[in-house]
Amino acid sequence: VDADERWHRLPSLFPGAKTREIYSDEDAFFLWFRELFTRLAKNDPVAARQELMHWPKHQQFYFLKLRLWAYANRRLIDAEEVAEELVSLPSELFWDHEVRRELLFTIRDRWTEFTARQRSAIEKVLLNGPPRWTREKRAKHSVRAASTTASALGWLLRHRCKLTSRLMDALPRLRKADPRWNATWDRHAADSLESSGGLVRSDTDSASLESIPIATVVDVAASNTKHDYAKSIEYDPFRGLVSKKPIRALSALRLRSQAGVYPIAFWRDLLSYWPAAAPPRATCLLGLRLAALPDNVLAELLQPASGWLREHSHRIFQYRKDLVWKPWDRVFMQIHAVGASITKSSILEGGSSAPQSRRTLFHALNGVVGDLSRSLLQILGETAPKHDQKLSPELSERMGRCLSTPGEGKDHAVSVLCRSLQWLHNVDPSWTKKHLLPLFQLNSEFAEPAWNGYSSHNQVGSRELFNHLKPSLLATIAHARALNWKHDTVDKLIQHLVVASVFFRGKHQLVRFSEARSCLRATSDLGRAAAVRFVRHQVRSGKAWAEVGRNFVSRVWPKELAARSEQTS
């Protein structure tokens, strides 16, 4: 199958009321792939996540549809990553009518897990509407964009997604843009353009577990968890019970634990599907049960346990500040006891013959220490810290422990914490200067994960912080040719260099023109090409050329012949 050529419509990956026979070998192969991945996600979610992360991100035909479908599975990818992936999609892919069903279903399924900031970012993309088609009249595009957005928002509203007042206020205006609009447009916004197909669907109906004695729940759930190959249905009632009645699910496992029985698959489901809307007291109780698990049981659950702490630690902190540290410390101690192997990111090496760096934020977001580090930042956010407030002893001590973990764990802690460097510097400058800023120096063993985490933001930060980082930034870019780093990291640093030198003028300039020119002269040809691409992307108008482009070309770009190459021409 040619994955780069669209020539027919694929069946939906979220089956609905309509069904059909498979019309082509390509459809059968596509749905067979979906079935295999569904089984892999059920039996080995870590391996399934690794597979997902190797799929091309912006391949428009097969993998765009598959990715959007897989993003609905919270066992494979957390809500923060889903929001980032959705917002980063090019507009033409986000609004591709061939994947509209997968997009809306995933947003619906993950909506309650998104933070207010993440919802706001997704709402902004929705309000912007689909892009203009080639040769489409502006007036027609305005009507089409408004009605498409209105239908998508209406569909989400019908499916109990609580929209912000900004969207609710905009909805009537968007609907009025097209006089033909009616309520059926909302109902059918996520209809598949092709009659739905799908070889496997999950049935998480937990009715059989909801009224029986608690002591029998685990046994009944085990007997009813199966794959019906004749009907192509995966039955998983305990997962449904966790989502619908989490306290009952926890009580059932707690009762079995009193007899020394710990069904790992059900504990994994409990941690992976624990709802954000669960009563705070129940979430606290699960944290205490997690802390009380035997070493051998917890060792098998470290990945879902760290993911659960990432998602729910701040909720425990909201309810009972004194209870949050017991499960966090217990999981961290068990990670340390298991050793370096468990700290390795779940992202595997790709098929490229050239070795790829694993010291990236992307790898950190898929590791247990990365999860624990993120949980600490979530807790810090709950304290609503003010400028120069200082980190609490509980937080600073545990951040320090994350920065001392074995194996890949320290890389992951460095990347995650340095992604929030500006925030941490605002809250506690002295702690940040002591523990994080030295990591950015060129001779630091952890310079790569530090810069990779920090450069994930598109902002250069405050003048005070940038001045601390500036010597290390210039030295790192100048020596890029000698570094075996992921090229995206160096490209981002060069973008920061360009912004600091030509986007700020006069006394506000962060890097002098001569300093930037020296860096570009010393860096690799690929680095100089990255600077050109960035400036070209920024210069979209005559005013932008006058303010940015002209200064870059005349005052920053090296004049030596060595700077002229096929890459930069």
Protein backbone atom coordinates (compact mmCIF):
# COMPACT_ATOMS: atom_id res chain seq x y z
CA VAL A 1 0.00 0.00 0.00
CA ASP A 2 1.38 3.40 -0.94
CA ALA A 3 1.04 5.40 2.28
CA ASP A 4 1.59 8.71 0.50
CA GLU A 5 -1.11 8.51 -2.14
CA ARG A 6 -4.78 9.21 -1.45
CA TRP A 7 -7.03 7.73 -4.03
CA HIS A 8 -10.00 6.37 -2.10
CA ARG A 9 -11.76 6.93 1.21
CA LEU A 10 -10.80 4.87 4.20
CA PRO A 11 -13.39 3.39 6.55
CA SER A 12 -13.97 5.07 9.89
CA LEU A 13 -11.99 3.85 12.88
CA PHE A 14 -14.85 4.78 15.21
CA PRO A 15 -17.64 2.48 13.99
CA GLY A 16 -21.17 3.83 14.19
CA ALA A 17 -24.62 2.63 13.29
CA LYS A 18 -23.74 2.02 9.65
CA THR A 19 -21.72 -0.99 8.58
CA ARG A 20 -20.66 -2.36 5.27
CA GLU A 21 -18.70 -5.16 3.72
CA ILE A 22 -15.04 -4.45 2.98
CA TYR A 23 -14.80 -3.24 -0.61
CA SER A 24 -11.07 -3.40 -1.21
CA ASP A 25 -7.90 -5.14 -0.14
CA GLU A 26 -6.56 -1.79 1.06
CA ASP A 27 -9.52 -1.37 3.43
CA ALA A 28 -9.08 -4.90 4.74
CA PHE A 29 -5.37 -4.32 5.35
CA PHE A 30 -6.06 -0.99 7.07
CA LEU A 31 -8.67 -2.46 9.41
CA TRP A 32 -6.53 -5.53 10.08
CA PHE A 33 -3.75 -3.16 11.15
CA ARG A 34 -6.24 -1.47 13.47
CA GLU A 35 -7.24 -4.82 14.97
CA LEU A 36 -3.63 -5.78 15.63
CA PHE A 37 -2.93 -2.44 17.26
CA THR A 38 -6.06 -2.71 19.42
CA ARG A 39 -4.92 -6.11 20.67
CA LEU A 40 -1.41 -4.81 21.29
CA ALA A 41 -2.79 -1.84 23.27
CA LYS A 42 -4.84 -4.21 25.40
CA ASN A 43 -2.06 -6.70 26.12
CA ASP A 44 1.00 -4.44 26.18
CA PRO A 45 0.19 -0.70 26.30
CA VAL A 46 3.88 0.25 26.58
CA ALA A 47 4.71 -1.52 23.31
CA ALA A 48 1.60 -0.01 21.72
CA ARG A 49 2.74 3.47 22.74
CA GLN A 50 6.15 2.81 21.23
CA GLU A 51 4.45 1.80 17.99
CA LEU A 52 2.25 4.91 18.04
CA MET A 53 5.25 7.21 18.51
CA HIS A 54 6.89 5.78 15.39
CA TRP A 55 3.94 6.61 13.13
CA PRO A 56 4.54 9.61 10.85
CA LYS A 57 2.93 12.69 12.41
CA HIS A 58 1.71 14.54 9.36
CA GLN A 59 1.28 11.74 6.81
CA GLN A 60 -2.12 12.73 5.51
CA PHE A 61 -3.68 9.47 4.42
CA TYR A 62 -3.32 6.41 6.67
CA PHE A 63 -1.40 7.59 9.72
CA LEU A 64 -3.24 10.86 10.33
CA LYS A 65 -6.44 8.87 10.73
CA LEU A 66 -4.74 6.22 12.85
CA ARG A 67 -3.07 8.78 15.13
CA LEU A 68 -6.26 10.70 15.80
CA TRP A 69 -8.03 7.44 16.60
CA ALA A 70 -5.25 6.29 18.94
CA TYR A 71 -5.19 9.66 20.77
CA ALA A 72 -8.54 8.71 22.32
CA ASN A 73 -6.84 5.91 24.28
CA ARG A 74 -5.66 7.38 27.57
CA ARG A 75 -3.59 4.29 28.34
CA LEU A 76 -1.30 5.17 25.46
CA ILE A 77 -0.96 8.93 25.61
CA ASP A 78 -1.82 11.53 28.22
CA ALA A 79 -4.12 14.49 27.68
CA GLU A 80 -1.31 17.05 27.66
CA GLU A 81 0.40 15.33 24.74
CA VAL A 82 -2.92 14.95 22.89
CA ALA A 83 -3.63 18.66 23.24
CA GLU A 84 -0.14 19.54 22.01
CA GLU A 85 -0.47 17.21 19.03
CA LEU A 86 -3.90 18.53 18.05
CA VAL A 87 -2.87 22.18 18.30
CA SER A 88 0.35 21.57 16.35
CA LEU A 89 -1.46 19.97 13.41
CA PRO A 90 -1.33 22.09 10.26
CA SER A 91 -4.73 23.67 9.68
CA GLU A 92 -5.38 21.71 6.50
CA LEU A 93 -4.86 18.43 8.40
CA PHE A 94 -6.80 19.47 11.50
CA TRP A 95 -9.81 20.25 9.31
CA ASP A 96 -9.35 17.41 6.81
CA HIS A 97 -12.91 16.17 6.20
CA GLU A 98 -11.61 12.61 5.80
CA VAL A 99 -10.63 12.48 9.49
CA ARG A 100 -13.32 14.76 10.95
CA ARG A 101 -14.96 11.85 12.77
CA GLU A 102 -11.71 10.71 14.38
CA LEU A 103 -10.84 14.27 15.39
CA LEU A 104 -14.18 15.03 17.05
CA PHE A 105 -14.45 11.66 18.77
CA THR A 106 -10.99 12.07 20.27
CA ILE A 107 -11.67 15.63 21.44
CA ARG A 108 -14.92 14.42 22.98
CA ASP A 109 -13.29 11.47 24.75
CA ARG A 110 -10.41 13.53 26.20
CA TRP A 111 -12.18 16.89 26.77
CA THR A 112 -12.63 16.53 30.53
CA GLU A 113 -8.94 15.69 30.96
CA PHE A 114 -7.66 18.84 29.26
CA THR A 115 -6.63 21.74 31.46
CA ALA A 116 -8.19 25.17 30.95
CA ARG A 117 -5.07 26.27 29.05
CA GLN A 118 -5.17 23.23 26.78
CA ARG A 119 -8.89 23.68 26.07
CA SER A 120 -8.26 27.32 25.26
CA ALA A 121 -5.60 26.37 22.71
CA ILE A 122 -7.90 23.82 21.04
CA GLU A 123 -10.77 26.31 21.08
CA LYS A 124 -8.57 28.84 19.31
CA VAL A 125 -7.91 26.36 16.48
CA LEU A 126 -11.61 25.56 16.27
CA LEU A 127 -12.59 29.23 16.11
CA ASN A 128 -10.02 29.92 13.39
CA GLY A 129 -11.88 27.45 11.21
CA PRO A 130 -10.62 25.57 8.15
CA PRO A 131 -8.18 27.25 5.76
CA ARG A 132 -9.19 28.79 2.46
CA TRP A 133 -9.12 26.51 -0.58
CA THR A 134 -7.16 27.45 -3.67
CA ARG A 135 -9.20 29.92 -5.76
CA GLU A 136 -12.02 29.93 -3.20
CA LYS A 137 -13.72 33.32 -2.94
CA ARG A 138 -13.15 35.03 0.39
CA ALA A 139 -16.89 35.45 1.00
CA LYS A 140 -17.57 31.76 0.36
CA HIS A 141 -14.67 30.73 2.55
CA SER A 142 -15.98 32.93 5.37
CA VAL A 143 -19.37 31.18 5.24
CA ARG A 144 -17.87 27.69 4.92
CA ALA A 145 -15.39 28.24 7.76
CA ALA A 146 -18.06 29.61 10.10
CA SER A 147 -20.57 26.82 9.39
CA THR A 148 -17.90 24.10 9.69
CA THR A 149 -16.76 25.45 13.04
CA ALA A 150 -20.37 25.85 14.21
CA SER A 151 -21.19 22.24 13.32
CA ALA A 152 -18.09 20.92 15.11
CA LEU A 153 -18.84 22.96 18.24
CA GLY A 154 -22.49 21.96 18.13
CA TRP A 155 -21.54 18.29 17.89
CA LEU A 156 -19.21 18.61 20.89
CA LEU A 157 -21.92 20.41 22.83
CA ARG A 158 -24.43 17.64 22.04
CA HIS A 159 -21.91 15.14 23.38
CA ARG A 160 -21.64 16.85 26.78
CA CYS A 161 -18.43 18.74 26.19
CA LYS A 162 -18.70 21.83 28.36
CA LEU A 163 -17.69 24.77 26.18
CA THR A 164 -16.35 28.05 27.51
CA SER A 165 -18.41 31.21 27.46
CA ARG A 166 -16.27 32.47 24.58
CA LEU A 167 -17.39 29.56 22.40
CA MET A 168 -20.99 29.69 23.55
CA ASP A 169 -21.13 33.40 22.71
CA ALA A 170 -19.61 32.80 19.27
CA LEU A 171 -21.84 29.86 18.34
CA PRO A 172 -25.02 31.81 17.36
CA ARG A 173 -22.98 34.14 15.17
CA LEU A 174 -21.23 31.25 13.45
CA ARG A 175 -24.52 29.49 12.76
CA LYS A 176 -26.05 32.62 11.22
CA ALA A 177 -23.23 32.87 8.68
CA ASP A 178 -24.98 30.26 6.49
CA PRO A 179 -28.76 30.75 6.09
CA ARG A 180 -29.13 27.03 5.35
CA TRP A 181 -27.87 25.97 8.78
CA ASN A 182 -30.13 23.70 10.83
CA ALA A 183 -29.74 21.43 13.86
CA THR A 184 -29.09 18.34 11.75
CA TRP A 185 -25.72 19.80 10.79
CA ASP A 186 -24.60 19.45 14.42
CA ARG A 187 -25.89 15.88 14.66
CA HIS A 188 -24.05 14.76 11.55
CA ALA A 189 -20.82 16.75 11.95
CA ALA A 190 -18.89 13.59 12.83
CA ASP A 191 -20.60 11.24 10.39
CA SER A 192 -18.17 9.13 8.44
CA LEU A 193 -17.94 10.05 4.77
CA GLU A 194 -17.59 6.35 4.12
CA SER A 195 -19.90 3.81 5.70
CA SER A 196 -18.21 2.79 8.92
CA GLY A 197 -15.94 -0.18 9.02
CA GLY A 198 -13.91 -1.68 11.80
CA LEU A 199 -12.86 -5.15 12.79
CA VAL A 200 -12.68 -4.63 16.53
CA ARG A 201 -14.61 -2.54 18.99
CA SER A 202 -14.35 -2.39 22.75
CA ASP A 203 -17.32 -3.18 24.95
CA THR A 204 -16.74 -1.79 28.43
CA ASP A 205 -20.29 -2.28 29.69
CA SER A 206 -19.92 -2.86 33.40
CA ALA A 207 -23.55 -3.67 34.22
CA SER A 208 -22.62 -7.25 35.16
CA LEU A 209 -20.30 -5.92 37.90
CA GLU A 210 -22.38 -3.14 39.37
CA SER A 211 -24.89 -5.00 41.54
CA ILE A 212 -23.11 -8.21 42.51
CA PRO A 213 -21.32 -8.64 45.86
CA ILE A 214 -18.00 -6.81 45.98
CA ALA A 215 -16.21 -10.07 46.82
CA THR A 216 -17.17 -11.54 43.44
CA VAL A 217 -16.40 -8.54 41.21
CA VAL A 218 -12.83 -9.54 40.32
CA ASP A 219 -13.72 -13.14 39.45
CA VAL A 220 -16.74 -12.14 37.37
CA ALA A 221 -14.72 -9.45 35.61
CA ALA A 222 -11.97 -11.96 34.83
CA SER A 223 -14.43 -14.44 33.34
CA ASN A 224 -16.12 -11.74 31.25
CA THR A 225 -12.90 -10.18 29.94
CA LYS A 226 -12.39 -11.79 26.57
CA HIS A 227 -12.04 -11.28 22.84
CA ASP A 228 -15.00 -12.48 20.77
CA TYR A 229 -13.42 -13.19 17.39
CA ALA A 230 -16.74 -14.09 15.82
CA LYS A 231 -18.23 -10.68 16.62
CA SER A 232 -14.91 -8.81 16.64
CA ILE A 233 -15.56 -7.34 20.09
CA GLU A 234 -13.14 -6.85 22.96
CA TYR A 235 -15.06 -7.20 26.24
CA ASP A 236 -13.48 -5.32 29.15
CA PRO A 237 -16.11 -4.75 31.86
CA PHE A 238 -13.64 -3.87 34.64
CA ARG A 239 -12.29 -0.97 32.60
CA GLY A 240 -15.87 0.27 32.29
CA LEU A 241 -16.38 -0.15 36.03
CA VAL A 242 -13.30 1.96 36.76
CA SER A 243 -14.61 4.76 34.56
CA LYS A 244 -18.20 4.56 35.80
CA LYS A 245 -17.89 3.46 39.44
CA PRO A 246 -14.24 3.91 40.45
CA ILE A 247 -14.89 3.47 44.17
CA ARG A 248 -16.47 0.07 43.59
CA ALA A 249 -13.55 -0.99 41.38
CA LEU A 250 -11.06 0.10 44.04
CA SER A 251 -13.02 -1.67 46.78
CA ALA A 252 -13.03 -4.92 44.81
CA LEU A 253 -9.24 -4.87 44.38
CA ARG A 254 -8.72 -3.78 47.96
CA LEU A 255 -10.74 -6.76 49.19
CA ARG A 256 -8.67 -9.17 47.11
CA SER A 257 -5.45 -7.60 48.34
CA GLN A 258 -6.43 -8.56 51.90
CA ALA A 259 -6.05 -12.16 50.75
CA GLY A 260 -2.71 -11.39 49.11
CA VAL A 261 -4.13 -11.46 45.57
CA TYR A 262 -3.18 -8.64 43.19
CA PRO A 263 -4.52 -9.12 39.64
CA ILE A 264 -2.00 -6.99 37.75
CA ALA A 265 -4.17 -6.40 34.67
CA PHE A 266 -7.01 -4.97 36.77
CA TRP A 267 -4.66 -2.82 38.86
CA ARG A 268 -3.25 -1.52 35.60
CA ASP A 269 -6.75 -0.66 34.42
CA LEU A 270 -7.52 1.01 37.75
CA LEU A 271 -4.50 3.30 37.46
CA SER A 272 -4.78 3.94 33.72
CA TYR A 273 -8.50 4.72 33.59
CA TRP A 274 -9.06 6.34 36.97
CA PRO A 275 -11.39 9.24 36.11
CA ALA A 276 -10.47 12.85 36.76
CA ALA A 277 -13.98 13.35 38.13
CA ALA A 278 -13.59 10.67 40.84
CA PRO A 279 -14.36 11.93 44.36
CA PRO A 280 -11.20 13.48 45.85
CA ARG A 281 -11.42 11.24 48.88
CA ALA A 282 -11.44 8.16 46.66
CA THR A 283 -8.42 9.45 44.74
CA CYS A 284 -6.59 9.95 48.03
CA LEU A 285 -7.53 6.44 49.11
CA LEU A 286 -6.18 4.97 45.87
CA GLY A 287 -2.93 6.87 46.49
CA LEU A 288 -2.62 5.25 49.91
CA ARG A 289 -3.42 1.80 48.47
CA LEU A 290 -0.79 2.36 45.81
CA ALA A 291 1.76 3.18 48.51
CA ALA A 292 0.86 -0.03 50.37
CA LEU A 293 1.36 -2.42 47.43
CA PRO A 294 4.04 -5.09 47.88
CA ASP A 295 7.37 -4.39 46.17
CA ASN A 296 6.98 -7.14 43.56
CA VAL A 297 3.49 -5.91 42.61
CA LEU A 298 4.43 -2.24 42.44
CA ALA A 299 7.50 -3.10 40.35
CA GLU A 300 5.15 -4.39 37.63
CA LEU A 301 2.97 -1.27 37.85
CA LEU A 302 5.59 1.50 37.86
CA GLN A 303 4.67 2.90 34.47
CA PRO A 304 0.90 3.21 35.06
CA ALA A 305 1.60 4.27 38.66
CA SER A 306 3.87 7.13 37.60
CA GLY A 307 1.33 8.11 34.96
CA TRP A 308 -1.41 8.11 37.59
CA LEU A 309 0.68 10.37 39.84
CA ARG A 310 1.26 12.72 36.91
CA GLU A 311 -2.50 13.01 36.36
CA HIS A 312 -3.78 12.96 39.94
CA SER A 313 -1.10 14.13 42.42
CA HIS A 314 -2.29 17.72 42.21
CA ARG A 315 -5.85 16.59 42.94
CA ILE A 316 -4.70 14.86 46.12
CA PHE A 317 -2.76 18.02 47.00
CA GLN A 318 -5.92 20.10 46.54
CA TYR A 319 -7.84 17.84 48.94
CA ARG A 320 -5.21 16.83 51.51
CA LYS A 321 -1.72 18.29 51.13
CA ASP A 322 -0.28 15.89 53.68
CA LEU A 323 -1.36 12.77 51.77
CA VAL A 324 0.24 13.45 48.40
CA TRP A 325 3.82 12.58 49.34
CA LYS A 326 3.24 9.04 50.59
CA PRO A 327 2.37 7.49 47.18
CA TRP A 328 4.89 9.75 45.39
CA ASP A 329 7.74 8.71 47.68
CA ARG A 330 6.75 5.06 47.52
CA VAL A 331 6.78 4.98 43.72
CA PHE A 332 10.07 6.89 43.56
CA MET A 333 11.71 4.49 46.04
CA GLN A 334 10.55 1.51 44.01
CA ILE A 335 11.92 3.06 40.80
CA HIS A 336 15.25 3.54 42.56
CA ALA A 337 15.16 -0.05 43.82
CA VAL A 338 14.48 -1.51 40.36
CA GLY A 339 17.30 0.57 38.91
CA ALA A 340 18.27 2.21 35.63
CA SER A 341 16.31 -0.19 33.42
CA ILE A 342 12.92 1.11 34.56
CA THR A 343 13.89 4.75 33.97
CA LYS A 344 14.40 4.13 30.26
CA SER A 345 11.92 5.92 28.03
CA SER A 346 9.28 3.73 26.40
CA ILE A 347 10.30 5.21 23.04
CA LEU A 348 12.43 2.71 21.15
CA GLU A 349 15.07 3.42 18.55
CA GLY A 350 13.72 3.92 15.04
CA GLY A 351 14.77 2.03 11.96
CA SER A 352 17.36 4.62 10.89
CA SER A 353 20.90 3.31 10.58
CA ALA A 354 22.20 6.51 12.19
CA PRO A 355 21.83 6.49 15.99
CA GLN A 356 19.25 8.96 17.25
CA SER A 357 19.65 10.86 20.49
CA ARG A 358 17.44 9.71 23.35
CA ARG A 359 18.20 12.78 25.47
CA THR A 360 15.10 14.70 24.45
CA LEU A 361 11.94 16.06 26.02
CA PHE A 362 9.98 13.70 23.80
CA HIS A 363 11.69 10.75 25.47
CA ALA A 364 11.24 12.36 28.89
CA LEU A 365 7.48 12.62 28.41
CA ASN A 366 7.46 8.86 27.95
CA GLY A 367 9.41 7.88 31.04
CA VAL A 368 8.55 7.23 34.68
CA VAL A 369 10.88 9.90 36.08
CA GLY A 370 9.53 12.36 33.54
CA ASP A 371 6.04 11.60 34.88
CA LEU A 372 7.11 12.15 38.49
CA SER A 373 8.84 15.42 37.59
CA ARG A 374 5.72 16.64 35.82
CA SER A 375 3.62 15.74 38.85
CA LEU A 376 5.81 18.02 40.99
CA LEU A 377 5.26 20.90 38.57
CA GLN A 378 1.51 20.26 38.69
CA ILE A 379 1.62 20.44 42.49
CA LEU A 380 3.66 23.65 42.30
CA GLY A 381 0.94 25.10 40.09
CA GLU A 382 -1.65 24.35 42.76
CA THR A 383 0.22 26.56 45.22
CA ALA A 384 -0.17 29.57 42.86
CA PRO A 385 3.39 30.73 43.64
CA LYS A 386 4.33 34.39 43.48
CA HIS A 387 7.56 35.89 42.17
CA ASP A 388 10.58 34.99 44.33
CA GLN A 389 8.36 33.02 46.72
CA LYS A 390 10.83 30.10 46.98
CA LEU A 391 10.05 26.44 46.47
CA SER A 392 8.68 24.57 49.45
CA PRO A 393 11.13 22.15 51.10
CA GLU A 394 8.92 19.26 50.02
CA LEU A 395 9.08 20.25 46.36
CA SER A 396 12.72 21.30 46.19
CA GLU A 397 13.89 18.11 47.90
CA ARG A 398 11.93 15.88 45.54
CA MET A 399 12.98 17.79 42.45
CA GLY A 400 16.54 17.23 43.62
CA ARG A 401 15.86 13.51 43.97
CA CYS A 402 14.51 13.37 40.41
CA LEU A 403 17.72 15.04 39.25
CA SER A 404 19.76 12.27 40.87
CA THR A 405 18.00 9.21 39.44
CA PRO A 406 20.02 6.54 37.60
CA GLY A 407 20.01 5.77 33.89
CA GLU A 408 17.90 7.89 31.57
CA GLY A 409 15.89 9.14 34.55
CA LYS A 410 18.10 12.16 35.24
CA ASP A 411 17.95 13.18 31.55
CA HIS A 412 14.16 13.08 31.74
CA ALA A 413 14.01 15.13 34.94
CA VAL A 414 16.41 17.68 33.44
CA SER A 415 14.35 18.05 30.25
CA VAL A 416 11.02 18.35 32.06
CA LEU A 417 12.22 20.84 34.68
CA CYS A 418 14.16 22.91 32.15
CA ARG A 419 11.05 23.16 30.00
CA SER A 420 9.63 25.17 32.93
CA LEU A 421 12.90 27.02 33.57
CA GLN A 422 11.42 30.52 33.28
CA TRP A 423 8.64 29.69 35.72
CA LEU A 424 10.98 28.05 38.22
CA HIS A 425 13.37 30.99 37.94
CA ASN A 426 10.53 33.40 38.71
CA VAL A 427 9.47 31.38 41.75
CA ASP A 428 12.90 30.53 43.17
CA PRO A 429 15.86 32.17 41.37
CA SER A 430 18.46 30.91 43.86
CA TRP A 431 17.35 27.25 43.57
CA THR A 432 17.25 27.51 39.79
CA LYS A 433 20.71 29.07 39.59
CA LYS A 434 22.16 26.36 41.81
CA HIS A 435 20.48 23.26 40.37
CA LEU A 436 19.46 23.99 36.77
CA LEU A 437 21.52 26.77 35.19
CA PRO A 438 24.86 24.91 35.50
CA LEU A 439 23.36 22.09 33.40
CA PHE A 440 23.29 24.39 30.33
CA GLN A 441 27.05 24.91 30.20
CA LEU A 442 28.74 23.39 27.17
CA ASN A 443 30.96 21.14 29.31
CA SER A 444 27.99 19.86 31.33
CA GLU A 445 27.13 16.20 30.95
CA PHE A 446 23.46 17.19 30.82
CA ALA A 447 23.62 20.15 28.45
CA GLU A 448 21.72 18.34 25.69
CA PRO A 449 18.60 17.37 27.70
CA ALA A 450 18.65 20.80 29.40
CA TRP A 451 18.68 22.72 26.11
CA ASN A 452 16.21 20.32 24.51
CA GLY A 453 13.70 20.90 27.28
CA TYR A 454 14.22 24.66 27.44
CA SER A 455 14.06 25.15 23.65
CA SER A 456 10.67 23.43 23.44
CA HIS A 457 9.21 26.87 24.22
CA ASN A 458 9.10 29.52 21.54
CA GLN A 459 9.89 32.33 24.00
CA VAL A 460 13.44 33.42 24.87
CA GLY A 461 12.41 34.25 28.44
CA SER A 462 13.09 37.26 30.62
CA ARG A 463 16.19 39.43 30.18
CA GLU A 464 17.52 38.36 33.59
CA LEU A 465 17.27 34.66 32.80
CA PHE A 466 18.51 35.07 29.23
CA ASN A 467 21.60 36.91 30.43
CA HIS A 468 22.43 33.91 32.63
CA LEU A 469 22.01 31.54 29.69
CA LYS A 470 23.59 33.70 26.99
CA PRO A 471 27.26 32.58 27.33
CA SER A 472 26.24 28.92 27.25
CA LEU A 473 23.85 29.53 24.34
CA LEU A 474 26.52 31.21 22.20
CA ALA A 475 29.12 28.55 23.02
CA THR A 476 26.73 25.70 22.28
CA ILE A 477 25.70 27.06 18.88
CA ALA A 478 29.31 27.83 17.93
CA HIS A 479 30.35 24.23 18.72
CA ALA A 480 27.29 22.58 17.16
CA ARG A 481 29.41 20.75 14.60
CA ALA A 482 31.17 18.83 17.36
CA LEU A 483 27.96 17.86 19.14
CA ASN A 484 26.14 14.66 18.35
CA TRP A 485 22.81 16.17 19.36
CA LYS A 486 19.39 15.83 17.83
CA HIS A 487 19.40 18.44 15.05
CA ASP A 488 16.02 19.83 16.16
CA THR A 489 17.61 20.97 19.42
CA VAL A 490 20.34 22.98 17.70
CA ASP A 491 17.81 24.39 15.21
CA LYS A 492 15.67 25.68 18.07
CA LEU A 493 18.68 27.28 19.77
CA ILE A 494 19.55 29.05 16.53
CA GLN A 495 15.99 30.34 16.35
CA HIS A 496 16.44 31.74 19.87
CA LEU A 497 19.67 33.38 18.71
CA VAL A 498 17.96 35.04 15.75
CA VAL A 499 15.08 36.28 17.88
CA ALA A 500 17.41 37.65 20.56
CA SER A 501 19.52 39.53 17.99
CA VAL A 502 17.09 40.93 15.41
CA PHE A 503 13.65 40.89 17.05
CA PHE A 504 14.80 43.09 19.92
CA ARG A 505 16.19 46.51 19.05
CA GLY A 506 18.24 49.16 20.76
CA LYS A 507 18.65 48.79 24.50
CA HIS A 508 16.27 45.82 24.45
CA GLN A 509 18.55 43.77 22.18
CA LEU A 510 19.62 40.57 23.97
CA VAL A 511 22.43 39.49 21.62
CA ARG A 512 24.54 41.95 19.66
CA PHE A 513 24.69 41.62 15.88
CA SER A 514 28.41 40.87 16.02
CA GLU A 515 27.88 38.08 18.55
CA ALA A 516 25.16 36.48 16.46
CA ARG A 517 27.30 36.76 13.31
CA SER A 518 30.25 35.08 15.05
CA CYS A 519 27.98 32.23 16.15
CA LEU A 520 26.61 31.67 12.66
CA ARG A 521 30.11 31.82 11.22
CA ALA A 522 31.32 29.12 13.61
CA THR A 523 28.30 26.82 13.53
CA SER A 524 27.56 24.12 10.96
CA ASP A 525 26.15 24.70 7.51
CA LEU A 526 22.97 22.96 8.62
CA GLY A 527 22.74 25.43 11.50
CA ARG A 528 23.08 28.42 9.18
CA ALA A 529 20.42 26.91 6.91
CA ALA A 530 18.11 26.60 9.94
CA ALA A 531 18.59 30.34 10.61
CA VAL A 532 17.68 31.18 7.01
CA ARG A 533 14.58 29.01 7.10
CA PHE A 534 13.43 30.62 10.34
CA VAL A 535 13.88 34.17 9.04
CA ARG A 536 12.19 33.29 5.75
CA HIS A 537 9.22 31.95 7.71
CA GLN A 538 9.02 35.12 9.83
CA VAL A 539 9.30 37.61 6.96
CA ARG A 540 5.83 37.63 5.41
CA SER A 541 5.32 41.31 4.77
CA GLY A 542 7.24 44.41 3.72
CA LYS A 543 7.18 45.68 7.29
CA ALA A 544 8.57 42.40 8.62
CA TRP A 545 11.34 42.53 6.02
CA ALA A 546 12.26 46.07 7.04
CA GLU A 547 12.32 45.24 10.75
CA VAL A 548 13.73 41.70 10.70
CA GLY A 549 14.90 40.49 7.32
CA ARG A 550 17.09 43.46 6.39
CA ASN A 551 18.91 43.49 9.73
CA PHE A 552 19.48 39.74 9.53
CA VAL A 553 20.94 39.84 6.03
CA SER A 554 22.96 43.02 6.40
CA ARG A 555 24.13 42.82 10.01
CA VAL A 556 23.96 39.20 11.18
CA TRP A 557 24.57 36.94 8.20
CA PRO A 558 28.27 36.06 7.69
CA LYS A 559 29.76 37.54 4.51
CA GLU A 560 32.40 34.83 4.02
CA LEU A 561 32.16 32.55 1.00
CA ALA A 562 32.04 29.57 3.37
CA ALA A 563 28.56 30.69 4.43
CA ARG A 564 27.30 30.31 0.87
CA SER A 565 26.32 26.75 0.17
CA GLU A 566 23.67 24.59 -1.37
CA GLN A 567 21.94 24.45 2.02
CA THR A 568 21.74 28.22 2.43
CA SER A 569 21.27 29.37 -1.17
